[in-house]
Amino acid sequence: PCTLIHPSYYYTDEERKEFQKLKS
């Protein structure tokens, strides 16, 4: 949790799609 790493390094395509689906 204390590591400063850009989210693109650990979110999967499936997670991004899920977020886009629910965001609205």
PDBML (XML) file of the C-alpha atoms, coordinates in Angstrom:
<?xml version="1.0" encoding="UTF-8" ?>
<PDBx:datablock datablockName="MODEL"
   xmlns:PDBx="http://pdbml.pdb.org/schema/pdbx-v50.xsd"
   xmlns:xsi="http://www.w3.org/2001/XMLSchema-instance"
   xsi:schemaLocation="http://pdbml.pdb.org/schema/pdbx-v50.xsd pdbx-v50.xsd">
   <PDBx:atom_siteCategory>
      <PDBx:atom_site id="1">
         <PDBx:B_iso_or_equiv>0.00</PDBx:B_iso_or_equiv>
         <PDBx:Cartn_x>0.000</PDBx:Cartn_x>
         <PDBx:Cartn_y>0.000</PDBx:Cartn_y>
         <PDBx:Cartn_z>0.000</PDBx:Cartn_z>
         <PDBx:auth_asym_id>A</PDBx:auth_asym_id>
         <PDBx:auth_atom_id>CA</PDBx:auth_atom_id>
         <PDBx:auth_comp_id>PRO</PDBx:auth_comp_id>
         <PDBx:auth_seq_id>1</PDBx:auth_seq_id>
         <PDBx:group_PDB>ATOM</PDBx:group_PDB>
         <PDBx:label_alt_id xsi:nil="true" />
         <PDBx:label_asym_id>A</PDBx:label_asym_id>
         <PDBx:label_atom_id>CA</PDBx:label_atom_id>
         <PDBx:label_comp_id>PRO</PDBx:label_comp_id>
         <PDBx:label_entity_id>1</PDBx:label_entity_id>
         <PDBx:label_seq_id>1</PDBx:label_seq_id>
         <PDBx:occupancy>1.00</PDBx:occupancy>
         <PDBx:pdbx_PDB_model_num>1</PDBx:pdbx_PDB_model_num>
         <PDBx:type_symbol>C</PDBx:type_symbol>
      </PDBx:atom_site>
      <PDBx:atom_site id="2">
         <PDBx:B_iso_or_equiv>0.00</PDBx:B_iso_or_equiv>
         <PDBx:Cartn_x>2.856</PDBx:Cartn_x>
         <PDBx:Cartn_y>2.458</PDBx:Cartn_y>
         <PDBx:Cartn_z>0.597</PDBx:Cartn_z>
         <PDBx:auth_asym_id>A</PDBx:auth_asym_id>
         <PDBx:auth_atom_id>CA</PDBx:auth_atom_id>
         <PDBx:auth_comp_id>CYS</PDBx:auth_comp_id>
         <PDBx:auth_seq_id>2</PDBx:auth_seq_id>
         <PDBx:group_PDB>ATOM</PDBx:group_PDB>
         <PDBx:label_alt_id xsi:nil="true" />
         <PDBx:label_asym_id>A</PDBx:label_asym_id>
         <PDBx:label_atom_id>CA</PDBx:label_atom_id>
         <PDBx:label_comp_id>CYS</PDBx:label_comp_id>
         <PDBx:label_entity_id>1</PDBx:label_entity_id>
         <PDBx:label_seq_id>2</PDBx:label_seq_id>
         <PDBx:occupancy>1.00</PDBx:occupancy>
         <PDBx:pdbx_PDB_model_num>1</PDBx:pdbx_PDB_model_num>
         <PDBx:type_symbol>C</PDBx:type_symbol>
      </PDBx:atom_site>
      <PDBx:atom_site id="3">
         <PDBx:B_iso_or_equiv>0.00</PDBx:B_iso_or_equiv>
         <PDBx:Cartn_x>4.408</PDBx:Cartn_x>
         <PDBx:Cartn_y>1.839</PDBx:Cartn_y>
         <PDBx:Cartn_z>-2.842</PDBx:Cartn_z>
         <PDBx:auth_asym_id>A</PDBx:auth_asym_id>
         <PDBx:auth_atom_id>CA</PDBx:auth_atom_id>
         <PDBx:auth_comp_id>THR</PDBx:auth_comp_id>
         <PDBx:auth_seq_id>3</PDBx:auth_seq_id>
         <PDBx:group_PDB>ATOM</PDBx:group_PDB>
         <PDBx:label_alt_id xsi:nil="true" />
         <PDBx:label_asym_id>A</PDBx:label_asym_id>
         <PDBx:label_atom_id>CA</PDBx:label_atom_id>
         <PDBx:label_comp_id>THR</PDBx:label_comp_id>
         <PDBx:label_entity_id>1</PDBx:label_entity_id>
         <PDBx:label_seq_id>3</PDBx:label_seq_id>
         <PDBx:occupancy>1.00</PDBx:occupancy>
         <PDBx:pdbx_PDB_model_num>1</PDBx:pdbx_PDB_model_num>
         <PDBx:type_symbol>C</PDBx:type_symbol>
      </PDBx:atom_site>
      <PDBx:atom_site id="4">
         <PDBx:B_iso_or_equiv>0.00</PDBx:B_iso_or_equiv>
         <PDBx:Cartn_x>4.061</PDBx:Cartn_x>
         <PDBx:Cartn_y>4.688</PDBx:Cartn_y>
         <PDBx:Cartn_z>-5.326</PDBx:Cartn_z>
         <PDBx:auth_asym_id>A</PDBx:auth_asym_id>
         <PDBx:auth_atom_id>CA</PDBx:auth_atom_id>
         <PDBx:auth_comp_id>LEU</PDBx:auth_comp_id>
         <PDBx:auth_seq_id>4</PDBx:auth_seq_id>
         <PDBx:group_PDB>ATOM</PDBx:group_PDB>
         <PDBx:label_alt_id xsi:nil="true" />
         <PDBx:label_asym_id>A</PDBx:label_asym_id>
         <PDBx:label_atom_id>CA</PDBx:label_atom_id>
         <PDBx:label_comp_id>LEU</PDBx:label_comp_id>
         <PDBx:label_entity_id>1</PDBx:label_entity_id>
         <PDBx:label_seq_id>4</PDBx:label_seq_id>
         <PDBx:occupancy>1.00</PDBx:occupancy>
         <PDBx:pdbx_PDB_model_num>1</PDBx:pdbx_PDB_model_num>
         <PDBx:type_symbol>C</PDBx:type_symbol>
      </PDBx:atom_site>
      <PDBx:atom_site id="5">
         <PDBx:B_iso_or_equiv>0.00</PDBx:B_iso_or_equiv>
         <PDBx:Cartn_x>3.417</PDBx:Cartn_x>
         <PDBx:Cartn_y>2.924</PDBx:Cartn_y>
         <PDBx:Cartn_z>-8.627</PDBx:Cartn_z>
         <PDBx:auth_asym_id>A</PDBx:auth_asym_id>
         <PDBx:auth_atom_id>CA</PDBx:auth_atom_id>
         <PDBx:auth_comp_id>ILE</PDBx:auth_comp_id>
         <PDBx:auth_seq_id>5</PDBx:auth_seq_id>
         <PDBx:group_PDB>ATOM</PDBx:group_PDB>
         <PDBx:label_alt_id xsi:nil="true" />
         <PDBx:label_asym_id>A</PDBx:label_asym_id>
         <PDBx:label_atom_id>CA</PDBx:label_atom_id>
         <PDBx:label_comp_id>ILE</PDBx:label_comp_id>
         <PDBx:label_entity_id>1</PDBx:label_entity_id>
         <PDBx:label_seq_id>5</PDBx:label_seq_id>
         <PDBx:occupancy>1.00</PDBx:occupancy>
         <PDBx:pdbx_PDB_model_num>1</PDBx:pdbx_PDB_model_num>
         <PDBx:type_symbol>C</PDBx:type_symbol>
      </PDBx:atom_site>
      <PDBx:atom_site id="6">
         <PDBx:B_iso_or_equiv>0.00</PDBx:B_iso_or_equiv>
         <PDBx:Cartn_x>1.159</PDBx:Cartn_x>
         <PDBx:Cartn_y>4.141</PDBx:Cartn_y>
         <PDBx:Cartn_z>-11.407</PDBx:Cartn_z>
         <PDBx:auth_asym_id>A</PDBx:auth_asym_id>
         <PDBx:auth_atom_id>CA</PDBx:auth_atom_id>
         <PDBx:auth_comp_id>HIS</PDBx:auth_comp_id>
         <PDBx:auth_seq_id>6</PDBx:auth_seq_id>
         <PDBx:group_PDB>ATOM</PDBx:group_PDB>
         <PDBx:label_alt_id xsi:nil="true" />
         <PDBx:label_asym_id>A</PDBx:label_asym_id>
         <PDBx:label_atom_id>CA</PDBx:label_atom_id>
         <PDBx:label_comp_id>HIS</PDBx:label_comp_id>
         <PDBx:label_entity_id>1</PDBx:label_entity_id>
         <PDBx:label_seq_id>6</PDBx:label_seq_id>
         <PDBx:occupancy>1.00</PDBx:occupancy>
         <PDBx:pdbx_PDB_model_num>1</PDBx:pdbx_PDB_model_num>
         <PDBx:type_symbol>C</PDBx:type_symbol>
      </PDBx:atom_site>
      <PDBx:atom_site id="7">
         <PDBx:B_iso_or_equiv>0.00</PDBx:B_iso_or_equiv>
         <PDBx:Cartn_x>-2.101</PDBx:Cartn_x>
         <PDBx:Cartn_y>2.157</PDBx:Cartn_y>
         <PDBx:Cartn_z>-11.517</PDBx:Cartn_z>
         <PDBx:auth_asym_id>A</PDBx:auth_asym_id>
         <PDBx:auth_atom_id>CA</PDBx:auth_atom_id>
         <PDBx:auth_comp_id>PRO</PDBx:auth_comp_id>
         <PDBx:auth_seq_id>7</PDBx:auth_seq_id>
         <PDBx:group_PDB>ATOM</PDBx:group_PDB>
         <PDBx:label_alt_id xsi:nil="true" />
         <PDBx:label_asym_id>A</PDBx:label_asym_id>
         <PDBx:label_atom_id>CA</PDBx:label_atom_id>
         <PDBx:label_comp_id>PRO</PDBx:label_comp_id>
         <PDBx:label_entity_id>1</PDBx:label_entity_id>
         <PDBx:label_seq_id>7</PDBx:label_seq_id>
         <PDBx:occupancy>1.00</PDBx:occupancy>
         <PDBx:pdbx_PDB_model_num>1</PDBx:pdbx_PDB_model_num>
         <PDBx:type_symbol>C</PDBx:type_symbol>
      </PDBx:atom_site>
      <PDBx:atom_site id="8">
         <PDBx:B_iso_or_equiv>0.00</PDBx:B_iso_or_equiv>
         <PDBx:Cartn_x>-1.502</PDBx:Cartn_x>
         <PDBx:Cartn_y>1.103</PDBx:Cartn_y>
         <PDBx:Cartn_z>-15.133</PDBx:Cartn_z>
         <PDBx:auth_asym_id>A</PDBx:auth_asym_id>
         <PDBx:auth_atom_id>CA</PDBx:auth_atom_id>
         <PDBx:auth_comp_id>SER</PDBx:auth_comp_id>
         <PDBx:auth_seq_id>8</PDBx:auth_seq_id>
         <PDBx:group_PDB>ATOM</PDBx:group_PDB>
         <PDBx:label_alt_id xsi:nil="true" />
         <PDBx:label_asym_id>A</PDBx:label_asym_id>
         <PDBx:label_atom_id>CA</PDBx:label_atom_id>
         <PDBx:label_comp_id>SER</PDBx:label_comp_id>
         <PDBx:label_entity_id>1</PDBx:label_entity_id>
         <PDBx:label_seq_id>8</PDBx:label_seq_id>
         <PDBx:occupancy>1.00</PDBx:occupancy>
         <PDBx:pdbx_PDB_model_num>1</PDBx:pdbx_PDB_model_num>
         <PDBx:type_symbol>C</PDBx:type_symbol>
      </PDBx:atom_site>
      <PDBx:atom_site id="9">
         <PDBx:B_iso_or_equiv>0.00</PDBx:B_iso_or_equiv>
         <PDBx:Cartn_x>1.105</PDBx:Cartn_x>
         <PDBx:Cartn_y>-1.360</PDBx:Cartn_y>
         <PDBx:Cartn_z>-13.852</PDBx:Cartn_z>
         <PDBx:auth_asym_id>A</PDBx:auth_asym_id>
         <PDBx:auth_atom_id>CA</PDBx:auth_atom_id>
         <PDBx:auth_comp_id>TYR</PDBx:auth_comp_id>
         <PDBx:auth_seq_id>9</PDBx:auth_seq_id>
         <PDBx:group_PDB>ATOM</PDBx:group_PDB>
         <PDBx:label_alt_id xsi:nil="true" />
         <PDBx:label_asym_id>A</PDBx:label_asym_id>
         <PDBx:label_atom_id>CA</PDBx:label_atom_id>
         <PDBx:label_comp_id>TYR</PDBx:label_comp_id>
         <PDBx:label_entity_id>1</PDBx:label_entity_id>
         <PDBx:label_seq_id>9</PDBx:label_seq_id>
         <PDBx:occupancy>1.00</PDBx:occupancy>
         <PDBx:pdbx_PDB_model_num>1</PDBx:pdbx_PDB_model_num>
         <PDBx:type_symbol>C</PDBx:type_symbol>
      </PDBx:atom_site>
      <PDBx:atom_site id="10">
         <PDBx:B_iso_or_equiv>0.00</PDBx:B_iso_or_equiv>
         <PDBx:Cartn_x>-1.324</PDBx:Cartn_x>
         <PDBx:Cartn_y>-3.464</PDBx:Cartn_y>
         <PDBx:Cartn_z>-11.862</PDBx:Cartn_z>
         <PDBx:auth_asym_id>A</PDBx:auth_asym_id>
         <PDBx:auth_atom_id>CA</PDBx:auth_atom_id>
         <PDBx:auth_comp_id>TYR</PDBx:auth_comp_id>
         <PDBx:auth_seq_id>10</PDBx:auth_seq_id>
         <PDBx:group_PDB>ATOM</PDBx:group_PDB>
         <PDBx:label_alt_id xsi:nil="true" />
         <PDBx:label_asym_id>A</PDBx:label_asym_id>
         <PDBx:label_atom_id>CA</PDBx:label_atom_id>
         <PDBx:label_comp_id>TYR</PDBx:label_comp_id>
         <PDBx:label_entity_id>1</PDBx:label_entity_id>
         <PDBx:label_seq_id>10</PDBx:label_seq_id>
         <PDBx:occupancy>1.00</PDBx:occupancy>
         <PDBx:pdbx_PDB_model_num>1</PDBx:pdbx_PDB_model_num>
         <PDBx:type_symbol>C</PDBx:type_symbol>
      </PDBx:atom_site>
      <PDBx:atom_site id="11">
         <PDBx:B_iso_or_equiv>0.00</PDBx:B_iso_or_equiv>
         <PDBx:Cartn_x>-4.886</PDBx:Cartn_x>
         <PDBx:Cartn_y>-3.073</PDBx:Cartn_y>
         <PDBx:Cartn_z>-13.162</PDBx:Cartn_z>
         <PDBx:auth_asym_id>A</PDBx:auth_asym_id>
         <PDBx:auth_atom_id>CA</PDBx:auth_atom_id>
         <PDBx:auth_comp_id>TYR</PDBx:auth_comp_id>
         <PDBx:auth_seq_id>11</PDBx:auth_seq_id>
         <PDBx:group_PDB>ATOM</PDBx:group_PDB>
         <PDBx:label_alt_id xsi:nil="true" />
         <PDBx:label_asym_id>A</PDBx:label_asym_id>
         <PDBx:label_atom_id>CA</PDBx:label_atom_id>
         <PDBx:label_comp_id>TYR</PDBx:label_comp_id>
         <PDBx:label_entity_id>1</PDBx:label_entity_id>
         <PDBx:label_seq_id>11</PDBx:label_seq_id>
         <PDBx:occupancy>1.00</PDBx:occupancy>
         <PDBx:pdbx_PDB_model_num>1</PDBx:pdbx_PDB_model_num>
         <PDBx:type_symbol>C</PDBx:type_symbol>
      </PDBx:atom_site>
      <PDBx:atom_site id="12">
         <PDBx:B_iso_or_equiv>0.00</PDBx:B_iso_or_equiv>
         <PDBx:Cartn_x>-5.875</PDBx:Cartn_x>
         <PDBx:Cartn_y>-5.718</PDBx:Cartn_y>
         <PDBx:Cartn_z>-15.684</PDBx:Cartn_z>
         <PDBx:auth_asym_id>A</PDBx:auth_asym_id>
         <PDBx:auth_atom_id>CA</PDBx:auth_atom_id>
         <PDBx:auth_comp_id>THR</PDBx:auth_comp_id>
         <PDBx:auth_seq_id>12</PDBx:auth_seq_id>
         <PDBx:group_PDB>ATOM</PDBx:group_PDB>
         <PDBx:label_alt_id xsi:nil="true" />
         <PDBx:label_asym_id>A</PDBx:label_asym_id>
         <PDBx:label_atom_id>CA</PDBx:label_atom_id>
         <PDBx:label_comp_id>THR</PDBx:label_comp_id>
         <PDBx:label_entity_id>1</PDBx:label_entity_id>
         <PDBx:label_seq_id>12</PDBx:label_seq_id>
         <PDBx:occupancy>1.00</PDBx:occupancy>
         <PDBx:pdbx_PDB_model_num>1</PDBx:pdbx_PDB_model_num>
         <PDBx:type_symbol>C</PDBx:type_symbol>
      </PDBx:atom_site>
      <PDBx:atom_site id="13">
         <PDBx:B_iso_or_equiv>0.00</PDBx:B_iso_or_equiv>
         <PDBx:Cartn_x>-7.873</PDBx:Cartn_x>
         <PDBx:Cartn_y>-5.121</PDBx:Cartn_y>
         <PDBx:Cartn_z>-18.867</PDBx:Cartn_z>
         <PDBx:auth_asym_id>A</PDBx:auth_asym_id>
         <PDBx:auth_atom_id>CA</PDBx:auth_atom_id>
         <PDBx:auth_comp_id>ASP</PDBx:auth_comp_id>
         <PDBx:auth_seq_id>13</PDBx:auth_seq_id>
         <PDBx:group_PDB>ATOM</PDBx:group_PDB>
         <PDBx:label_alt_id xsi:nil="true" />
         <PDBx:label_asym_id>A</PDBx:label_asym_id>
         <PDBx:label_atom_id>CA</PDBx:label_atom_id>
         <PDBx:label_comp_id>ASP</PDBx:label_comp_id>
         <PDBx:label_entity_id>1</PDBx:label_entity_id>
         <PDBx:label_seq_id>13</PDBx:label_seq_id>
         <PDBx:occupancy>1.00</PDBx:occupancy>
         <PDBx:pdbx_PDB_model_num>1</PDBx:pdbx_PDB_model_num>
         <PDBx:type_symbol>C</PDBx:type_symbol>
      </PDBx:atom_site>
      <PDBx:atom_site id="14">
         <PDBx:B_iso_or_equiv>0.00</PDBx:B_iso_or_equiv>
         <PDBx:Cartn_x>-10.776</PDBx:Cartn_x>
         <PDBx:Cartn_y>-6.949</PDBx:Cartn_y>
         <PDBx:Cartn_z>-17.245</PDBx:Cartn_z>
         <PDBx:auth_asym_id>A</PDBx:auth_asym_id>
         <PDBx:auth_atom_id>CA</PDBx:auth_atom_id>
         <PDBx:auth_comp_id>GLU</PDBx:auth_comp_id>
         <PDBx:auth_seq_id>14</PDBx:auth_seq_id>
         <PDBx:group_PDB>ATOM</PDBx:group_PDB>
         <PDBx:label_alt_id xsi:nil="true" />
         <PDBx:label_asym_id>A</PDBx:label_asym_id>
         <PDBx:label_atom_id>CA</PDBx:label_atom_id>
         <PDBx:label_comp_id>GLU</PDBx:label_comp_id>
         <PDBx:label_entity_id>1</PDBx:label_entity_id>
         <PDBx:label_seq_id>14</PDBx:label_seq_id>
         <PDBx:occupancy>1.00</PDBx:occupancy>
         <PDBx:pdbx_PDB_model_num>1</PDBx:pdbx_PDB_model_num>
         <PDBx:type_symbol>C</PDBx:type_symbol>
      </PDBx:atom_site>
      <PDBx:atom_site id="15">
         <PDBx:B_iso_or_equiv>0.00</PDBx:B_iso_or_equiv>
         <PDBx:Cartn_x>-10.733</PDBx:Cartn_x>
         <PDBx:Cartn_y>-4.568</PDBx:Cartn_y>
         <PDBx:Cartn_z>-14.284</PDBx:Cartn_z>
         <PDBx:auth_asym_id>A</PDBx:auth_asym_id>
         <PDBx:auth_atom_id>CA</PDBx:auth_atom_id>
         <PDBx:auth_comp_id>GLU</PDBx:auth_comp_id>
         <PDBx:auth_seq_id>15</PDBx:auth_seq_id>
         <PDBx:group_PDB>ATOM</PDBx:group_PDB>
         <PDBx:label_alt_id xsi:nil="true" />
         <PDBx:label_asym_id>A</PDBx:label_asym_id>
         <PDBx:label_atom_id>CA</PDBx:label_atom_id>
         <PDBx:label_comp_id>GLU</PDBx:label_comp_id>
         <PDBx:label_entity_id>1</PDBx:label_entity_id>
         <PDBx:label_seq_id>15</PDBx:label_seq_id>
         <PDBx:occupancy>1.00</PDBx:occupancy>
         <PDBx:pdbx_PDB_model_num>1</PDBx:pdbx_PDB_model_num>
         <PDBx:type_symbol>C</PDBx:type_symbol>
      </PDBx:atom_site>
      <PDBx:atom_site id="16">
         <PDBx:B_iso_or_equiv>0.00</PDBx:B_iso_or_equiv>
         <PDBx:Cartn_x>-10.626</PDBx:Cartn_x>
         <PDBx:Cartn_y>-1.506</PDBx:Cartn_y>
         <PDBx:Cartn_z>-16.508</PDBx:Cartn_z>
         <PDBx:auth_asym_id>A</PDBx:auth_asym_id>
         <PDBx:auth_atom_id>CA</PDBx:auth_atom_id>
         <PDBx:auth_comp_id>ARG</PDBx:auth_comp_id>
         <PDBx:auth_seq_id>16</PDBx:auth_seq_id>
         <PDBx:group_PDB>ATOM</PDBx:group_PDB>
         <PDBx:label_alt_id xsi:nil="true" />
         <PDBx:label_asym_id>A</PDBx:label_asym_id>
         <PDBx:label_atom_id>CA</PDBx:label_atom_id>
         <PDBx:label_comp_id>ARG</PDBx:label_comp_id>
         <PDBx:label_entity_id>1</PDBx:label_entity_id>
         <PDBx:label_seq_id>16</PDBx:label_seq_id>
         <PDBx:occupancy>1.00</PDBx:occupancy>
         <PDBx:pdbx_PDB_model_num>1</PDBx:pdbx_PDB_model_num>
         <PDBx:type_symbol>C</PDBx:type_symbol>
      </PDBx:atom_site>
      <PDBx:atom_site id="17">
         <PDBx:B_iso_or_equiv>0.00</PDBx:B_iso_or_equiv>
         <PDBx:Cartn_x>-13.563</PDBx:Cartn_x>
         <PDBx:Cartn_y>-2.810</PDBx:Cartn_y>
         <PDBx:Cartn_z>-18.559</PDBx:Cartn_z>
         <PDBx:auth_asym_id>A</PDBx:auth_asym_id>
         <PDBx:auth_atom_id>CA</PDBx:auth_atom_id>
         <PDBx:auth_comp_id>LYS</PDBx:auth_comp_id>
         <PDBx:auth_seq_id>17</PDBx:auth_seq_id>
         <PDBx:group_PDB>ATOM</PDBx:group_PDB>
         <PDBx:label_alt_id xsi:nil="true" />
         <PDBx:label_asym_id>A</PDBx:label_asym_id>
         <PDBx:label_atom_id>CA</PDBx:label_atom_id>
         <PDBx:label_comp_id>LYS</PDBx:label_comp_id>
         <PDBx:label_entity_id>1</PDBx:label_entity_id>
         <PDBx:label_seq_id>17</PDBx:label_seq_id>
         <PDBx:occupancy>1.00</PDBx:occupancy>
         <PDBx:pdbx_PDB_model_num>1</PDBx:pdbx_PDB_model_num>
         <PDBx:type_symbol>C</PDBx:type_symbol>
      </PDBx:atom_site>
      <PDBx:atom_site id="18">
         <PDBx:B_iso_or_equiv>0.00</PDBx:B_iso_or_equiv>
         <PDBx:Cartn_x>-15.515</PDBx:Cartn_x>
         <PDBx:Cartn_y>-3.519</PDBx:Cartn_y>
         <PDBx:Cartn_z>-15.386</PDBx:Cartn_z>
         <PDBx:auth_asym_id>A</PDBx:auth_asym_id>
         <PDBx:auth_atom_id>CA</PDBx:auth_atom_id>
         <PDBx:auth_comp_id>GLU</PDBx:auth_comp_id>
         <PDBx:auth_seq_id>18</PDBx:auth_seq_id>
         <PDBx:group_PDB>ATOM</PDBx:group_PDB>
         <PDBx:label_alt_id xsi:nil="true" />
         <PDBx:label_asym_id>A</PDBx:label_asym_id>
         <PDBx:label_atom_id>CA</PDBx:label_atom_id>
         <PDBx:label_comp_id>GLU</PDBx:label_comp_id>
         <PDBx:label_entity_id>1</PDBx:label_entity_id>
         <PDBx:label_seq_id>18</PDBx:label_seq_id>
         <PDBx:occupancy>1.00</PDBx:occupancy>
         <PDBx:pdbx_PDB_model_num>1</PDBx:pdbx_PDB_model_num>
         <PDBx:type_symbol>C</PDBx:type_symbol>
      </PDBx:atom_site>
      <PDBx:atom_site id="19">
         <PDBx:B_iso_or_equiv>0.00</PDBx:B_iso_or_equiv>
         <PDBx:Cartn_x>-14.897</PDBx:Cartn_x>
         <PDBx:Cartn_y>0.000</PDBx:Cartn_y>
         <PDBx:Cartn_z>-14.138</PDBx:Cartn_z>
         <PDBx:auth_asym_id>A</PDBx:auth_asym_id>
         <PDBx:auth_atom_id>CA</PDBx:auth_atom_id>
         <PDBx:auth_comp_id>PHE</PDBx:auth_comp_id>
         <PDBx:auth_seq_id>19</PDBx:auth_seq_id>
         <PDBx:group_PDB>ATOM</PDBx:group_PDB>
         <PDBx:label_alt_id xsi:nil="true" />
         <PDBx:label_asym_id>A</PDBx:label_asym_id>
         <PDBx:label_atom_id>CA</PDBx:label_atom_id>
         <PDBx:label_comp_id>PHE</PDBx:label_comp_id>
         <PDBx:label_entity_id>1</PDBx:label_entity_id>
         <PDBx:label_seq_id>19</PDBx:label_seq_id>
         <PDBx:occupancy>1.00</PDBx:occupancy>
         <PDBx:pdbx_PDB_model_num>1</PDBx:pdbx_PDB_model_num>
         <PDBx:type_symbol>C</PDBx:type_symbol>
      </PDBx:atom_site>
      <PDBx:atom_site id="20">
         <PDBx:B_iso_or_equiv>0.00</PDBx:B_iso_or_equiv>
         <PDBx:Cartn_x>-15.930</PDBx:Cartn_x>
         <PDBx:Cartn_y>1.551</PDBx:Cartn_y>
         <PDBx:Cartn_z>-17.445</PDBx:Cartn_z>
         <PDBx:auth_asym_id>A</PDBx:auth_asym_id>
         <PDBx:auth_atom_id>CA</PDBx:auth_atom_id>
         <PDBx:auth_comp_id>GLN</PDBx:auth_comp_id>
         <PDBx:auth_seq_id>20</PDBx:auth_seq_id>
         <PDBx:group_PDB>ATOM</PDBx:group_PDB>
         <PDBx:label_alt_id xsi:nil="true" />
         <PDBx:label_asym_id>A</PDBx:label_asym_id>
         <PDBx:label_atom_id>CA</PDBx:label_atom_id>
         <PDBx:label_comp_id>GLN</PDBx:label_comp_id>
         <PDBx:label_entity_id>1</PDBx:label_entity_id>
         <PDBx:label_seq_id>20</PDBx:label_seq_id>
         <PDBx:occupancy>1.00</PDBx:occupancy>
         <PDBx:pdbx_PDB_model_num>1</PDBx:pdbx_PDB_model_num>
         <PDBx:type_symbol>C</PDBx:type_symbol>
      </PDBx:atom_site>
      <PDBx:atom_site id="21">
         <PDBx:B_iso_or_equiv>0.00</PDBx:B_iso_or_equiv>
         <PDBx:Cartn_x>-19.116</PDBx:Cartn_x>
         <PDBx:Cartn_y>-0.516</PDBx:Cartn_y>
         <PDBx:Cartn_z>-17.336</PDBx:Cartn_z>
         <PDBx:auth_asym_id>A</PDBx:auth_asym_id>
         <PDBx:auth_atom_id>CA</PDBx:auth_atom_id>
         <PDBx:auth_comp_id>LYS</PDBx:auth_comp_id>
         <PDBx:auth_seq_id>21</PDBx:auth_seq_id>
         <PDBx:group_PDB>ATOM</PDBx:group_PDB>
         <PDBx:label_alt_id xsi:nil="true" />
         <PDBx:label_asym_id>A</PDBx:label_asym_id>
         <PDBx:label_atom_id>CA</PDBx:label_atom_id>
         <PDBx:label_comp_id>LYS</PDBx:label_comp_id>
         <PDBx:label_entity_id>1</PDBx:label_entity_id>
         <PDBx:label_seq_id>21</PDBx:label_seq_id>
         <PDBx:occupancy>1.00</PDBx:occupancy>
         <PDBx:pdbx_PDB_model_num>1</PDBx:pdbx_PDB_model_num>
         <PDBx:type_symbol>C</PDBx:type_symbol>
      </PDBx:atom_site>
      <PDBx:atom_site id="22">
         <PDBx:B_iso_or_equiv>0.00</PDBx:B_iso_or_equiv>
         <PDBx:Cartn_x>-20.082</PDBx:Cartn_x>
         <PDBx:Cartn_y>0.649</PDBx:Cartn_y>
         <PDBx:Cartn_z>-13.853</PDBx:Cartn_z>
         <PDBx:auth_asym_id>A</PDBx:auth_asym_id>
         <PDBx:auth_atom_id>CA</PDBx:auth_atom_id>
         <PDBx:auth_comp_id>LEU</PDBx:auth_comp_id>
         <PDBx:auth_seq_id>22</PDBx:auth_seq_id>
         <PDBx:group_PDB>ATOM</PDBx:group_PDB>
         <PDBx:label_alt_id xsi:nil="true" />
         <PDBx:label_asym_id>A</PDBx:label_asym_id>
         <PDBx:label_atom_id>CA</PDBx:label_atom_id>
         <PDBx:label_comp_id>LEU</PDBx:label_comp_id>
         <PDBx:label_entity_id>1</PDBx:label_entity_id>
         <PDBx:label_seq_id>22</PDBx:label_seq_id>
         <PDBx:occupancy>1.00</PDBx:occupancy>
         <PDBx:pdbx_PDB_model_num>1</PDBx:pdbx_PDB_model_num>
         <PDBx:type_symbol>C</PDBx:type_symbol>
      </PDBx:atom_site>
      <PDBx:atom_site id="23">
         <PDBx:B_iso_or_equiv>0.00</PDBx:B_iso_or_equiv>
         <PDBx:Cartn_x>-18.748</PDBx:Cartn_x>
         <PDBx:Cartn_y>4.231</PDBx:Cartn_y>
         <PDBx:Cartn_z>-13.874</PDBx:Cartn_z>
         <PDBx:auth_asym_id>A</PDBx:auth_asym_id>
         <PDBx:auth_atom_id>CA</PDBx:auth_atom_id>
         <PDBx:auth_comp_id>LYS</PDBx:auth_comp_id>
         <PDBx:auth_seq_id>23</PDBx:auth_seq_id>
         <PDBx:group_PDB>ATOM</PDBx:group_PDB>
         <PDBx:label_alt_id xsi:nil="true" />
         <PDBx:label_asym_id>A</PDBx:label_asym_id>
         <PDBx:label_atom_id>CA</PDBx:label_atom_id>
         <PDBx:label_comp_id>LYS</PDBx:label_comp_id>
         <PDBx:label_entity_id>1</PDBx:label_entity_id>
         <PDBx:label_seq_id>23</PDBx:label_seq_id>
         <PDBx:occupancy>1.00</PDBx:occupancy>
         <PDBx:pdbx_PDB_model_num>1</PDBx:pdbx_PDB_model_num>
         <PDBx:type_symbol>C</PDBx:type_symbol>
      </PDBx:atom_site>
      <PDBx:atom_site id="24">
         <PDBx:B_iso_or_equiv>0.00</PDBx:B_iso_or_equiv>
         <PDBx:Cartn_x>-21.795</PDBx:Cartn_x>
         <PDBx:Cartn_y>5.935</PDBx:Cartn_y>
         <PDBx:Cartn_z>-15.335</PDBx:Cartn_z>
         <PDBx:auth_asym_id>A</PDBx:auth_asym_id>
         <PDBx:auth_atom_id>CA</PDBx:auth_atom_id>
         <PDBx:auth_comp_id>SER</PDBx:auth_comp_id>
         <PDBx:auth_seq_id>24</PDBx:auth_seq_id>
         <PDBx:group_PDB>ATOM</PDBx:group_PDB>
         <PDBx:label_alt_id xsi:nil="true" />
         <PDBx:label_asym_id>A</PDBx:label_asym_id>
         <PDBx:label_atom_id>CA</PDBx:label_atom_id>
         <PDBx:label_comp_id>SER</PDBx:label_comp_id>
         <PDBx:label_entity_id>1</PDBx:label_entity_id>
         <PDBx:label_seq_id>24</PDBx:label_seq_id>
         <PDBx:occupancy>1.00</PDBx:occupancy>
         <PDBx:pdbx_PDB_model_num>1</PDBx:pdbx_PDB_model_num>
         <PDBx:type_symbol>C</PDBx:type_symbol>
      </PDBx:atom_site>
   </PDBx:atom_siteCategory>
</PDBx:datablock>
